[in-house]
């Protein structure tokens, strides 16, 4: 993971499916994540947008393509506390949405929790 001296972005990828490929309304999850980040970082500058994502499901033995919402925050630095917060949020999404994994990105590095 490369941490920049000034400008860093940490993001969380929120799926639009439950379990492996059952479409669902993820608006409550998005609202929870945005509210949590606003509180933790004391800012309204939370960026979120919809896009498409794909991943390979071991359960289905196939590539799943779905809509995702990426929620990001720009910050001067990224600490271990920031990374742990995003891991906790990814674990929350995994549990609530019954996911095999949830992605986090730090600048250009991507990891699956």
PDB file of N, CA and C in Angstrom:
ATOM      1  N   UNK A   1       0.858  -1.177   0.000  1.00  0.00           N
ATOM      2  CA  UNK A   1       0.000   0.000   0.000  1.00  0.00           C
ATOM      3  C   UNK A   1       0.895   1.227   0.000  1.00  0.00           C
ATOM      4  N   UNK A   2       0.595   2.129  -0.886  1.00  0.00           N
ATOM      5  CA  UNK A   2       1.376   3.354  -0.976  1.00  0.00           C
ATOM      6  C   UNK A   2       0.576   4.505  -0.365  1.00  0.00           C
ATOM      7  N   UNK A   3       1.132   5.133   0.662  1.00  0.00           N
ATOM      8  CA  UNK A   3       0.501   6.283   1.302  1.00  0.00           C
ATOM      9  C   UNK A   3       1.205   7.535   0.791  1.00  0.00           C
ATOM     10  N   UNK A   4       0.433   8.479   0.278  1.00  0.00           N
ATOM     11  CA  UNK A   4       0.984   9.720  -0.249  1.00  0.00           C
ATOM     12  C   UNK A   4       1.264  10.707   0.875  1.00  0.00           C
ATOM     13  N   UNK A   5       2.114  11.674   0.609  1.00  0.00           N
ATOM     14  CA  UNK A   5       2.451  12.672   1.628  1.00  0.00           C
ATOM     15  C   UNK A   5       1.279  13.594   1.937  1.00  0.00           C
ATOM     16  N   UNK A   6       0.438  13.908   0.938  1.00  0.00           N
ATOM     17  CA  UNK A   6      -0.641  14.874   1.137  1.00  0.00           C
ATOM     18  C   UNK A   6      -2.032  14.320   0.885  1.00  0.00           C
ATOM     19  N   UNK A   7      -2.253  13.845  -0.323  1.00  0.00           N
ATOM     20  CA  UNK A   7      -3.603  13.473  -0.740  1.00  0.00           C
ATOM     21  C   UNK A   7      -3.764  11.970  -0.814  1.00  0.00           C
ATOM     22  N   UNK A   8      -4.693  11.442  -0.015  1.00  0.00           N
ATOM     23  CA  UNK A   8      -4.972  10.007   0.013  1.00  0.00           C
ATOM     24  C   UNK A   8      -6.476   9.794  -0.063  1.00  0.00           C
ATOM     25  N   UNK A   9      -6.847   8.678  -0.648  1.00  0.00           N
ATOM     26  CA  UNK A   9      -8.261   8.305  -0.718  1.00  0.00           C
ATOM     27  C   UNK A   9      -8.403   6.879  -0.216  1.00  0.00           C
ATOM     28  N   UNK A  10      -9.374   6.695   0.673  1.00  0.00           N
ATOM     29  CA  UNK A  10      -9.700   5.348   1.147  1.00  0.00           C
ATOM     30  C   UNK A  10     -11.174   5.109   0.827  1.00  0.00           C
ATOM     31  N   UNK A  11     -11.462   3.951   0.250  1.00  0.00           N
ATOM     32  CA  UNK A  11     -12.800   3.674  -0.278  1.00  0.00           C
ATOM     33  C   UNK A  11     -13.308   2.314   0.158  1.00  0.00           C
ATOM     34  N   UNK A  12     -14.624   2.196   0.158  1.00  0.00           N
ATOM     35  CA  UNK A  12     -15.322   0.963   0.494  1.00  0.00           C
ATOM     36  C   UNK A  12     -16.289   0.671  -0.642  1.00  0.00           C
ATOM     37  N   UNK A  13     -16.335  -0.585  -1.103  1.00  0.00           N
ATOM     38  CA  UNK A  13     -17.172  -0.984  -2.228  1.00  0.00           C
ATOM     39  C   UNK A  13     -18.390  -1.728  -1.687  1.00  0.00           C
ATOM     40  N   UNK A  14     -19.573  -1.146  -1.881  1.00  0.00           N
ATOM     41  CA  UNK A  14     -20.808  -1.720  -1.338  1.00  0.00           C
ATOM     42  C   UNK A  14     -21.566  -2.418  -2.464  1.00  0.00           C
ATOM     43  N   UNK A  15     -21.801  -3.724  -2.334  1.00  0.00           N
ATOM     44  CA  UNK A  15     -22.499  -4.477  -3.390  1.00  0.00           C
ATOM     45  C   UNK A  15     -23.995  -4.167  -3.423  1.00  0.00           C
ATOM     46  N   UNK A  16     -24.634  -4.613  -4.483  1.00  0.00           N
ATOM     47  CA  UNK A  16     -26.090  -4.452  -4.608  1.00  0.00           C
ATOM     48  C   UNK A  16     -26.797  -5.796  -4.518  1.00  0.00           C
ATOM     49  N   UNK A  17     -26.084  -6.810  -4.014  1.00  0.00           N
ATOM     50  CA  UNK A  17     -26.664  -8.140  -3.896  1.00  0.00           C
ATOM     51  C   UNK A  17     -26.516  -8.670  -2.470  1.00  0.00           C
ATOM     52  N   UNK A  18     -27.420  -9.557  -2.127  1.00  0.00           N
ATOM     53  CA  UNK A  18     -27.317 -10.321  -0.887  1.00  0.00           C
ATOM     54  C   UNK A  18     -26.776 -11.690  -1.277  1.00  0.00           C
ATOM     55  N   UNK A  19     -26.161 -12.340  -0.291  1.00  0.00           N
ATOM     56  CA  UNK A  19     -25.543 -13.634  -0.554  1.00  0.00           C
ATOM     57  C   UNK A  19     -24.671 -13.501  -1.793  1.00  0.00           C
ATOM     58  N   UNK A  20     -24.882 -14.296  -2.779  1.00  0.00           N
ATOM     59  CA  UNK A  20     -23.996 -14.248  -3.942  1.00  0.00           C
ATOM     60  C   UNK A  20     -24.554 -13.347  -5.039  1.00  0.00           C
ATOM     61  N   UNK A  21     -25.817 -13.543  -5.421  1.00  0.00           N
ATOM     62  CA  UNK A  21     -26.318 -12.790  -6.576  1.00  0.00           C
ATOM     63  C   UNK A  21     -27.801 -12.436  -6.489  1.00  0.00           C
ATOM     64  N   UNK A  22     -28.341 -12.297  -5.285  1.00  0.00           N
ATOM     65  CA  UNK A  22     -29.738 -11.897  -5.115  1.00  0.00           C
ATOM     66  C   UNK A  22     -29.802 -10.373  -4.988  1.00  0.00           C
ATOM     67  N   UNK A  23     -30.351  -9.712  -5.993  1.00  0.00           N
ATOM     68  CA  UNK A  23     -30.416  -8.259  -6.002  1.00  0.00           C
ATOM     69  C   UNK A  23     -31.192  -7.749  -4.790  1.00  0.00           C
ATOM     70  N   UNK A  24     -30.702  -6.632  -4.221  1.00  0.00           N
ATOM     71  CA  UNK A  24     -31.344  -6.051  -3.047  1.00  0.00           C
ATOM     72  C   UNK A  24     -31.162  -4.542  -3.054  1.00  0.00           C
ATOM     73  N   UNK A  25     -31.956  -3.864  -2.259  1.00  0.00           N
ATOM     74  CA  UNK A  25     -31.821  -2.421  -2.066  1.00  0.00           C
ATOM     75  C   UNK A  25     -30.747  -2.202  -0.998  1.00  0.00           C
ATOM     76  N   UNK A  26     -29.639  -1.587  -1.389  1.00  0.00           N
ATOM     77  CA  UNK A  26     -28.541  -1.379  -0.448  1.00  0.00           C
ATOM     78  C   UNK A  26     -28.521   0.025   0.162  1.00  0.00           C
ATOM     79  N   UNK A  27     -29.600   0.781  -0.011  1.00  0.00           N
ATOM     80  CA  UNK A  27     -29.616   2.180   0.445  1.00  0.00           C
ATOM     81  C   UNK A  27     -29.434   2.317   1.955  1.00  0.00           C
ATOM     82  N   UNK A  28     -29.981   1.395   2.746  1.00  0.00           N
ATOM     83  CA  UNK A  28     -29.792   1.473   4.200  1.00  0.00           C
ATOM     84  C   UNK A  28     -28.336   1.266   4.588  1.00  0.00           C
ATOM     85  N   UNK A  29     -27.657   0.367   3.902  1.00  0.00           N
ATOM     86  CA  UNK A  29     -26.235   0.117   4.167  1.00  0.00           C
ATOM     87  C   UNK A  29     -25.423   1.355   3.792  1.00  0.00           C
ATOM     88  N   UNK A  30     -25.716   1.929   2.622  1.00  0.00           N
ATOM     89  CA  UNK A  30     -24.996   3.131   2.179  1.00  0.00           C
ATOM     90  C   UNK A  30     -25.190   4.259   3.180  1.00  0.00           C
ATOM     91  N   UNK A  31     -26.425   4.471   3.615  1.00  0.00           N
ATOM     92  CA  UNK A  31     -26.713   5.536   4.586  1.00  0.00           C
ATOM     93  C   UNK A  31     -25.965   5.299   5.895  1.00  0.00           C
ATOM     94  N   UNK A  32     -25.919   4.066   6.364  1.00  0.00           N
ATOM     95  CA  UNK A  32     -25.201   3.738   7.592  1.00  0.00           C
ATOM     96  C   UNK A  32     -23.715   4.053   7.446  1.00  0.00           C
ATOM     97  N   UNK A  33     -23.112   3.636   6.327  1.00  0.00           N
ATOM     98  CA  UNK A  33     -21.682   3.846   6.096  1.00  0.00           C
ATOM     99  C   UNK A  33     -21.371   5.338   6.012  1.00  0.00           C
ATOM    100  N   UNK A  34     -22.155   6.089   5.244  1.00  0.00           N
ATOM    101  CA  UNK A  34     -21.926   7.532   5.105  1.00  0.00           C
ATOM    102  C   UNK A  34     -22.060   8.224   6.458  1.00  0.00           C
ATOM    103  N   UNK A  35     -23.085   7.883   7.219  1.00  0.00           N
ATOM    104  CA  UNK A  35     -23.290   8.481   8.545  1.00  0.00           C
ATOM    105  C   UNK A  35     -22.104   8.176   9.468  1.00  0.00           C
ATOM    106  N   UNK A  36     -21.642   6.934   9.449  1.00  0.00           N
ATOM    107  CA  UNK A  36     -20.511   6.520  10.287  1.00  0.00           C
ATOM    108  C   UNK A  36     -19.241   7.292   9.907  1.00  0.00           C
ATOM    109  N   UNK A  37     -18.979   7.434   8.613  1.00  0.00           N
ATOM    110  CA  UNK A  37     -17.786   8.156   8.169  1.00  0.00           C
ATOM    111  C   UNK A  37     -17.874   9.646   8.491  1.00  0.00           C
ATOM    112  N   UNK A  38     -19.063  10.236   8.333  1.00  0.00           N
ATOM    113  CA  UNK A  38     -19.239  11.645   8.692  1.00  0.00           C
ATOM    114  C   UNK A  38     -18.926  11.862  10.170  1.00  0.00           C
ATOM    115  N   UNK A  39     -19.386  10.942  11.004  1.00  0.00           N
ATOM    116  CA  UNK A  39     -19.146  11.047  12.445  1.00  0.00           C
ATOM    117  C   UNK A  39     -17.670  10.841  12.775  1.00  0.00           C
ATOM    118  N   UNK A  40     -17.049   9.810  12.216  1.00  0.00           N
ATOM    119  CA  UNK A  40     -15.655   9.482  12.525  1.00  0.00           C
ATOM    120  C   UNK A  40     -14.687  10.553  12.040  1.00  0.00           C
ATOM    121  N   UNK A  41     -14.965  11.136  10.869  1.00  0.00           N
ATOM    122  CA  UNK A  41     -14.039  12.099  10.278  1.00  0.00           C
ATOM    123  C   UNK A  41     -14.497  13.541  10.433  1.00  0.00           C
ATOM    124  N   UNK A  42     -15.648  13.744  11.070  1.00  0.00           N
ATOM    125  CA  UNK A  42     -16.175  15.079  11.335  1.00  0.00           C
ATOM    126  C   UNK A  42     -16.212  15.922  10.055  1.00  0.00           C
ATOM    127  N   UNK A  43     -16.776  15.339   9.004  1.00  0.00           N
ATOM    128  CA  UNK A  43     -16.848  16.025   7.720  1.00  0.00           C
ATOM    129  C   UNK A  43     -18.088  15.582   6.951  1.00  0.00           C
ATOM    130  N   UNK A  44     -18.562  16.487   6.114  1.00  0.00           N
ATOM    131  CA  UNK A  44     -19.639  16.132   5.190  1.00  0.00           C
ATOM    132  C   UNK A  44     -19.078  15.795   3.813  1.00  0.00           C
ATOM    133  N   UNK A  45     -17.765  15.810   3.688  1.00  0.00           N
ATOM    134  CA  UNK A  45     -17.107  15.588   2.406  1.00  0.00           C
ATOM    135  C   UNK A  45     -16.899  14.098   2.118  1.00  0.00           C
ATOM    136  N   UNK A  46     -17.979  13.356   2.135  1.00  0.00           N
ATOM    137  CA  UNK A  46     -17.959  11.936   1.805  1.00  0.00           C
ATOM    138  C   UNK A  46     -18.395  11.808   0.348  1.00  0.00           C
ATOM    139  N   UNK A  47     -17.615  11.122  -0.438  1.00  0.00           N
ATOM    140  CA  UNK A  47     -17.901  10.961  -1.859  1.00  0.00           C
ATOM    141  C   UNK A  47     -18.495   9.569  -2.063  1.00  0.00           C
ATOM    142  N   UNK A  48     -19.603   9.492  -2.785  1.00  0.00           N
ATOM    143  CA  UNK A  48     -20.108   8.163  -3.143  1.00  0.00           C
ATOM    144  C   UNK A  48     -20.767   8.209  -4.507  1.00  0.00           C
ATOM    145  N   UNK A  49     -20.567   7.131  -5.249  1.00  0.00           N
ATOM    146  CA  UNK A  49     -21.106   7.058  -6.595  1.00  0.00           C
ATOM    147  C   UNK A  49     -21.355   5.595  -6.962  1.00  0.00           C
ATOM    148  N   UNK A  50     -22.254   5.419  -7.932  1.00  0.00           N
ATOM    149  CA  UNK A  50     -22.625   4.087  -8.408  1.00  0.00           C
ATOM    150  C   UNK A  50     -21.808   3.731  -9.642  1.00  0.00           C
ATOM    151  N   UNK A  51     -21.464   2.471  -9.762  1.00  0.00           N
ATOM    152  CA  UNK A  51     -20.731   1.969 -10.910  1.00  0.00           C
ATOM    153  C   UNK A  51     -20.998   0.466 -11.034  1.00  0.00           C
ATOM    154  N   UNK A  52     -20.314  -0.195 -11.908  1.00  0.00           N
ATOM    155  CA  UNK A  52     -20.427  -1.654 -12.058  1.00  0.00           C
ATOM    156  C   UNK A  52     -19.174  -2.305 -11.517  1.00  0.00           C
ATOM    157  N   UNK A  53     -19.327  -3.493 -11.001  1.00  0.00           N
ATOM    158  CA  UNK A  53     -18.196  -4.259 -10.519  1.00  0.00           C
ATOM    159  C   UNK A  53     -18.382  -5.719 -10.866  1.00  0.00           C
ATOM    160  N   UNK A  54     -17.296  -6.450 -10.851  1.00  0.00           N
ATOM    161  CA  UNK A  54     -17.384  -7.889 -11.089  1.00  0.00           C
ATOM    162  C   UNK A  54     -16.389  -8.611 -10.204  1.00  0.00           C
ATOM    163  N   UNK A  55     -16.705  -9.843  -9.907  1.00  0.00           N
ATOM    164  CA  UNK A  55     -15.851 -10.680  -9.058  1.00  0.00           C
ATOM    165  C   UNK A  55     -16.185 -12.130  -9.334  1.00  0.00           C
ATOM    166  N   UNK A  56     -15.283 -12.991  -8.978  1.00  0.00           N
ATOM    167  CA  UNK A  56     -15.482 -14.419  -9.193  1.00  0.00           C
ATOM    168  C   UNK A  56     -16.046 -15.059  -7.931  1.00  0.00           C
ATOM    169  N   UNK A  57     -17.176 -15.727  -8.066  1.00  0.00           N
ATOM    170  CA  UNK A  57     -17.818 -16.418  -6.949  1.00  0.00           C
ATOM    171  C   UNK A  57     -17.382 -17.876  -6.914  1.00  0.00           C
ATOM    172  N   UNK A  58     -16.724 -18.256  -5.838  1.00  0.00           N
ATOM    173  CA  UNK A  58     -16.381 -19.666  -5.650  1.00  0.00           C
ATOM    174  C   UNK A  58     -17.644 -20.508  -5.469  1.00  0.00           C
ATOM    175  N   UNK A  59     -18.649 -19.928  -4.818  1.00  0.00           N
ATOM    176  CA  UNK A  59     -19.897 -20.667  -4.583  1.00  0.00           C
ATOM    177  C   UNK A  59     -20.612 -21.016  -5.886  1.00  0.00           C
ATOM    178  N   UNK A  60     -20.625 -20.078  -6.844  1.00  0.00           N
ATOM    179  CA  UNK A  60     -21.328 -20.293  -8.107  1.00  0.00           C
ATOM    180  C   UNK A  60     -20.407 -20.779  -9.231  1.00  0.00           C
ATOM    181  N   UNK A  61     -19.110 -20.705  -9.015  1.00  0.00           N
ATOM    182  CA  UNK A  61     -18.142 -21.045 -10.058  1.00  0.00           C
ATOM    183  C   UNK A  61     -18.334 -20.184 -11.305  1.00  0.00           C
ATOM    184  N   UNK A  62     -18.560 -18.882 -11.101  1.00  0.00           N
ATOM    185  CA  UNK A  62     -18.751 -17.981 -12.229  1.00  0.00           C
ATOM    186  C   UNK A  62     -18.445 -16.546 -11.827  1.00  0.00           C
ATOM    187  N   UNK A  63     -18.289 -15.693 -12.833  1.00  0.00           N
ATOM    188  CA  UNK A  63     -18.089 -14.268 -12.603  1.00  0.00           C
ATOM    189  C   UNK A  63     -19.453 -13.622 -12.392  1.00  0.00           C
ATOM    190  N   UNK A  64     -19.574 -12.833 -11.349  1.00  0.00           N
ATOM    191  CA  UNK A  64     -20.803 -12.109 -11.046  1.00  0.00           C
ATOM    192  C   UNK A  64     -20.560 -10.637 -11.371  1.00  0.00           C
ATOM    193  N   UNK A  65     -21.423 -10.050 -12.192  1.00  0.00           N
ATOM    194  CA  UNK A  65     -21.362  -8.627 -12.526  1.00  0.00           C
ATOM    195  C   UNK A  65     -22.546  -7.967 -11.843  1.00  0.00           C
ATOM    196  N   UNK A  66     -22.279  -6.874 -11.120  1.00  0.00           N
ATOM    197  CA  UNK A  66     -23.362  -6.226 -10.383  1.00  0.00           C
ATOM    198  C   UNK A  66     -23.104  -4.736 -10.251  1.00  0.00           C
ATOM    199  N   UNK A  67     -24.148  -4.012  -9.875  1.00  0.00           N
ATOM    200  CA  UNK A  67     -24.009  -2.606  -9.534  1.00  0.00           C
ATOM    201  C   UNK A  67     -23.364  -2.523  -8.155  1.00  0.00           C
ATOM    202  N   UNK A  68     -22.473  -1.562  -7.988  1.00  0.00           N
ATOM    203  CA  UNK A  68     -21.870  -1.319  -6.682  1.00  0.00           C
ATOM    204  C   UNK A  68     -21.875   0.175  -6.406  1.00  0.00           C
ATOM    205  N   UNK A  69     -21.779   0.518  -5.144  1.00  0.00           N
ATOM    206  CA  UNK A  69     -21.612   1.904  -4.737  1.00  0.00           C
ATOM    207  C   UNK A  69     -20.263   2.014  -4.052  1.00  0.00           C
ATOM    208  N   UNK A  70     -19.465   2.958  -4.509  1.00  0.00           N
ATOM    209  CA  UNK A  70     -18.162   3.199  -3.903  1.00  0.00           C
ATOM    210  C   UNK A  70     -18.283   4.428  -3.019  1.00  0.00           C
ATOM    211  N   UNK A  71     -17.944   4.254  -1.737  1.00  0.00           N
ATOM    212  CA  UNK A  71     -17.975   5.344  -0.767  1.00  0.00           C
ATOM    213  C   UNK A  71     -16.532   5.654  -0.397  1.00  0.00           C
ATOM    214  N   UNK A  72     -16.136   6.929  -0.548  1.00  0.00           N
ATOM    215  CA  UNK A  72     -14.740   7.313  -0.355  1.00  0.00           C
ATOM    216  C   UNK A  72     -14.612   8.551   0.518  1.00  0.00           C
ATOM    217  N   UNK A  73     -13.448   8.654   1.112  1.00  0.00           N
ATOM    218  CA  UNK A  73     -13.085   9.866   1.834  1.00  0.00           C
ATOM    219  C   UNK A  73     -11.659  10.216   1.447  1.00  0.00           C
ATOM    220  N   UNK A  74     -11.439  11.500   1.189  1.00  0.00           N
ATOM    221  CA  UNK A  74     -10.098  12.003   0.916  1.00  0.00           C
ATOM    222  C   UNK A  74      -9.531  12.539   2.220  1.00  0.00           C
ATOM    223  N   UNK A  75      -8.285  12.210   2.476  1.00  0.00           N
ATOM    224  CA  UNK A  75      -7.657  12.609   3.723  1.00  0.00           C
ATOM    225  C   UNK A  75      -6.170  12.878   3.496  1.00  0.00           C
ATOM    226  N   UNK A  76      -5.609  13.717   4.341  1.00  0.00           N
ATOM    227  CA  UNK A  76      -4.191  14.061   4.200  1.00  0.00           C
ATOM    228  C   UNK A  76      -3.300  12.844   4.433  1.00  0.00           C
ATOM    229  N   UNK A  77      -3.649  12.058   5.430  1.00  0.00           N
ATOM    230  CA  UNK A  77      -2.861  10.858   5.725  1.00  0.00           C
ATOM    231  C   UNK A  77      -3.802   9.702   6.042  1.00  0.00           C
ATOM    232  N   UNK A  78      -3.276   8.513   5.962  1.00  0.00           N
ATOM    233  CA  UNK A  78      -4.037   7.320   6.322  1.00  0.00           C
ATOM    234  C   UNK A  78      -3.249   6.580   7.390  1.00  0.00           C
ATOM    235  N   UNK A  79      -3.925   6.325   8.501  1.00  0.00           N
ATOM    236  CA  UNK A  79      -3.278   5.648   9.618  1.00  0.00           C
ATOM    237  C   UNK A  79      -3.805   4.226   9.746  1.00  0.00           C
ATOM    238  N   UNK A  80      -3.210   3.493  10.646  1.00  0.00           N
ATOM    239  CA  UNK A  80      -3.688   2.149  10.935  1.00  0.00           C
ATOM    240  C   UNK A  80      -5.125   2.198  11.465  1.00  0.00           C
ATOM    241  N   UNK A  81      -5.465   3.248  12.207  1.00  0.00           N
ATOM    242  CA  UNK A  81      -6.834   3.408  12.712  1.00  0.00           C
ATOM    243  C   UNK A  81      -7.831   3.568  11.566  1.00  0.00           C
ATOM    244  N   UNK A  82      -7.445   4.329  10.540  1.00  0.00           N
ATOM    245  CA  UNK A  82      -8.313   4.493   9.368  1.00  0.00           C
ATOM    246  C   UNK A  82      -8.542   3.150   8.683  1.00  0.00           C
ATOM    247  N   UNK A  83      -7.471   2.418   8.481  1.00  0.00           N
ATOM    248  CA  UNK A  83      -7.564   1.116   7.819  1.00  0.00           C
ATOM    249  C   UNK A  83      -8.431   0.170   8.641  1.00  0.00           C
ATOM    250  N   UNK A  84      -8.236   0.157   9.948  1.00  0.00           N
ATOM    251  CA  UNK A  84      -9.046  -0.718  10.814  1.00  0.00           C
ATOM    252  C   UNK A  84     -10.520  -0.344  10.783  1.00  0.00           C
ATOM    253  N   UNK A  85     -10.828   0.950  10.719  1.00  0.00           N
ATOM    254  CA  UNK A  85     -12.223   1.379  10.620  1.00  0.00           C
ATOM    255  C   UNK A  85     -12.850   0.839   9.340  1.00  0.00           C
ATOM    256  N   UNK A  86     -12.149   0.961   8.219  1.00  0.00           N
ATOM    257  CA  UNK A  86     -12.695   0.486   6.956  1.00  0.00           C
ATOM    258  C   UNK A  86     -12.811  -1.036   6.932  1.00  0.00           C
ATOM    259  N   UNK A  87     -11.906  -1.722   7.586  1.00  0.00           N
ATOM    260  CA  UNK A  87     -12.022  -3.181   7.707  1.00  0.00           C
ATOM    261  C   UNK A  87     -13.266  -3.540   8.520  1.00  0.00           C
ATOM    262  N   UNK A  88     -13.502  -2.817   9.619  1.00  0.00           N
ATOM    263  CA  UNK A  88     -14.703  -3.061  10.435  1.00  0.00           C
ATOM    264  C   UNK A  88     -15.972  -2.810   9.627  1.00  0.00           C
ATOM    265  N   UNK A  89     -15.980  -1.741   8.830  1.00  0.00           N
ATOM    266  CA  UNK A  89     -17.149  -1.451   7.995  1.00  0.00           C
ATOM    267  C   UNK A  89     -17.343  -2.527   6.931  1.00  0.00           C
ATOM    268  N   UNK A  90     -16.256  -3.020   6.358  1.00  0.00           N
ATOM    269  CA  UNK A  90     -16.355  -4.106   5.382  1.00  0.00           C
ATOM    270  C   UNK A  90     -16.901  -5.374   6.038  1.00  0.00           C
ATOM    271  N   UNK A  91     -16.448  -5.667   7.247  1.00  0.00           N
ATOM    272  CA  UNK A  91     -16.956  -6.838   7.982  1.00  0.00           C
ATOM    273  C   UNK A  91     -18.453  -6.684   8.259  1.00  0.00           C
ATOM    274  N   UNK A  92     -18.884  -5.467   8.599  1.00  0.00           N
ATOM    275  CA  UNK A  92     -20.306  -5.192   8.824  1.00  0.00           C
ATOM    276  C   UNK A  92     -21.107  -5.488   7.542  1.00  0.00           C
ATOM    277  N   UNK A  93     -20.610  -4.994   6.406  1.00  0.00           N
ATOM    278  CA  UNK A  93     -21.296  -5.231   5.132  1.00  0.00           C
ATOM    279  C   UNK A  93     -21.342  -6.725   4.817  1.00  0.00           C
ATOM    280  N   UNK A  94     -20.227  -7.413   5.021  1.00  0.00           N
ATOM    281  CA  UNK A  94     -20.198  -8.859   4.769  1.00  0.00           C
ATOM    282  C   UNK A  94     -21.271  -9.579   5.581  1.00  0.00           C
ATOM    283  N   UNK A  95     -21.393  -9.226   6.832  1.00  0.00           N
ATOM    284  CA  UNK A  95     -22.369  -9.869   7.703  1.00  0.00           C
ATOM    285  C   UNK A  95     -23.796  -9.514   7.295  1.00  0.00           C
ATOM    286  N   UNK A  96     -24.058  -8.234   7.135  1.00  0.00           N
ATOM    287  CA  UNK A  96     -25.415  -7.765   6.831  1.00  0.00           C
ATOM    288  C   UNK A  96     -25.897  -8.225   5.455  1.00  0.00           C
ATOM    289  N   UNK A  97     -24.982  -8.287   4.497  1.00  0.00           N
ATOM    290  CA  UNK A  97     -25.370  -8.616   3.130  1.00  0.00           C
ATOM    291  C   UNK A  97     -24.964 -10.032   2.732  1.00  0.00           C
ATOM    292  N   UNK A  98     -24.445 -10.801   3.694  1.00  0.00           N
ATOM    293  CA  UNK A  98     -24.070 -12.199   3.476  1.00  0.00           C
ATOM    294  C   UNK A  98     -23.164 -12.345   2.252  1.00  0.00           C
ATOM    295  N   UNK A  99     -22.056 -11.603   2.279  1.00  0.00           N
ATOM    296  CA  UNK A  99     -21.104 -11.581   1.171  1.00  0.00           C
ATOM    297  C   UNK A  99     -19.906 -12.479   1.434  1.00  0.00           C
ATOM    298  N   UNK A 100     -19.315 -12.990   0.378  1.00  0.00           N
ATOM    299  CA  UNK A 100     -18.065 -13.749   0.482  1.00  0.00           C
ATOM    300  C   UNK A 100     -16.908 -12.811   0.804  1.00  0.00           C
ATOM    301  N   UNK A 101     -16.956 -11.589   0.276  1.00  0.00           N
ATOM    302  CA  UNK A 101     -15.902 -10.608   0.499  1.00  0.00           C
ATOM    303  C   UNK A 101     -16.382  -9.222   0.135  1.00  0.00           C
ATOM    304  N   UNK A 102     -15.748  -8.209   0.717  1.00  0.00           N
ATOM    305  CA  UNK A 102     -16.045  -6.811   0.417  1.00  0.00           C
ATOM    306  C   UNK A 102     -14.704  -6.120   0.182  1.00  0.00           C
ATOM    307  N   UNK A 103     -14.646  -5.260  -0.842  1.00  0.00           N
ATOM    308  CA  UNK A 103     -13.388  -4.614  -1.204  1.00  0.00           C
ATOM    309  C   UNK A 103     -13.214  -3.263  -0.529  1.00  0.00           C
ATOM    310  N   UNK A 104     -11.953  -2.965  -0.242  1.00  0.00           N
ATOM    311  CA  UNK A 104     -11.499  -1.675   0.262  1.00  0.00           C
ATOM    312  C   UNK A 104     -10.356  -1.251  -0.648  1.00  0.00           C
ATOM    313  N   UNK A 105     -10.286   0.028  -0.962  1.00  0.00           N
ATOM    314  CA  UNK A 105      -9.111   0.510  -1.695  1.00  0.00           C
ATOM    315  C   UNK A 105      -8.472   1.659  -0.929  1.00  0.00           C
ATOM    316  N   UNK A 106      -7.158   1.666  -0.983  1.00  0.00           N
ATOM    317  CA  UNK A 106      -6.363   2.748  -0.413  1.00  0.00           C
ATOM    318  C   UNK A 106      -5.504   3.251  -1.559  1.00  0.00           C
ATOM    319  N   UNK A 107      -5.824   4.461  -2.004  1.00  0.00           N
ATOM    320  CA  UNK A 107      -5.186   5.025  -3.195  1.00  0.00           C
ATOM    321  C   UNK A 107      -5.325   4.022  -4.340  1.00  0.00           C
ATOM    322  N   UNK A 108      -4.287   3.449  -4.853  1.00  0.00           N
ATOM    323  CA  UNK A 108      -4.419   2.529  -5.987  1.00  0.00           C
ATOM    324  C   UNK A 108      -4.374   1.051  -5.581  1.00  0.00           C
ATOM    325  N   UNK A 109      -4.315   0.773  -4.282  1.00  0.00           N
ATOM    326  CA  UNK A 109      -4.248  -0.617  -3.813  1.00  0.00           C
ATOM    327  C   UNK A 109      -5.647  -1.111  -3.433  1.00  0.00           C
ATOM    328  N   UNK A 110      -5.980  -2.315  -3.836  1.00  0.00           N
ATOM    329  CA  UNK A 110      -7.278  -2.919  -3.546  1.00  0.00           C
ATOM    330  C   UNK A 110      -7.074  -4.179  -2.708  1.00  0.00           C
ATOM    331  N   UNK A 111      -7.912  -4.321  -1.684  1.00  0.00           N
ATOM    332  CA  UNK A 111      -7.866  -5.570  -0.914  1.00  0.00           C
ATOM    333  C   UNK A 111      -9.293  -6.040  -0.682  1.00  0.00           C
ATOM    334  N   UNK A 112      -9.448  -7.337  -0.516  1.00  0.00           N
ATOM    335  CA  UNK A 112     -10.749  -7.931  -0.256  1.00  0.00           C
ATOM    336  C   UNK A 112     -10.750  -8.449   1.161  1.00  0.00           C
ATOM    337  N   UNK A 113     -11.741  -7.983   1.920  1.00  0.00           N
ATOM    338  CA  UNK A 113     -11.877  -8.391   3.322  1.00  0.00           C
ATOM    339  C   UNK A 113     -12.833  -9.551   3.394  1.00  0.00           C
TER     340      UNK A 113
END
